[in-house]
Each structure stands twice: as C-alpha cells, then as structure tokens.
C-alpha cells in the first residue's frame, strides 16, 4: 500500500460526513507506519475505544471507513476468527459495524463483521505480529495468496458498505 497522508485519509471516508471526518482521530505516526507491509491501515480512537477506522486503496484511490464497536461487550472472550484475515484470537476479535454509505446509512442501515480488535490483520497474515498459539491455522496457501484473500475479504466488506 502506498503511504497515505492525514488529508488523503480524511477525504477518503465514504460513510461519514465531511465534518465528522475532520473531527475524527487520525494516527500521528503515519510516517513511521510499515506501509509496504500494509494492505490497509486500521486504528482505534484513543479517546473513544468503541470507535475504529480503516483506510485502504481500492482501484487506485483511497477509501476509508468509520467503524463502531459495542465497547467491551463487542470483544469475544472465546476463541474467534477474524472474517478479514482469518486469524483466530482468544479475546482479540470484535464485532465492528460500519454505517452504510449514502442515504442508506443516514436511515440507520449498517453492515458488521468480526475483525481483529486491533485491526492489525496485515501484520498477522505476514507473521509480523503474533496472536498466540494456534492463531494461524495451517494452510497450504502461499503468503501472497493469503494476502490476496485478506484484500478480497476487505474489499467484499467495503462493497457491502458502499452498495
């Protein structure tokens, strides 16, 4: 993924207003992020732990989503699998919900997915971050195929939000 600036991220949000995108928390360490190892940038709002965000590139342009969790209640305490990267965690998967883009979102429609609570899917897939014993099930796929699957799963989720 190519590095994104704060301005590029703020203008890429598809499921919140311009005012909301101006007020939301964007990581201050964008220059230090391992962009070459990221399929998307995900982060939690430090002032509001129930809010999360992700930004990626689709068809050569940045796309970002505002997500909400149900606070601590959305964290799974049993072993659960992320629907984006297929990493299993004990207590590290959350139901994150995105308001749909456009009029549907304004009417309260939303889409949810169980995701790694820290939104570090690209790092789990590449083995750069460890989710514990048994977190990555044995597979015959190559790393490139796992990355492609993660990107496809994220793309499918974004398509549901923007449909």
Foldseek 3Di string as FASTA:
>chain_A
DDQDDLVLQLVQEQFDDNVVSVPADDDPPSVPDPVVLDQKDKAAGPVDRQWIKIWHDDPRGIHMFIKGFPPLVQFAQDWDAFQQLRFTARRFKGWIKTQAGDPSSVVPDIDITIHGSGNPSSCVLVVVDDRDPPRDPDDPDDSVVSVVSNSVSVVVRNVVRHD
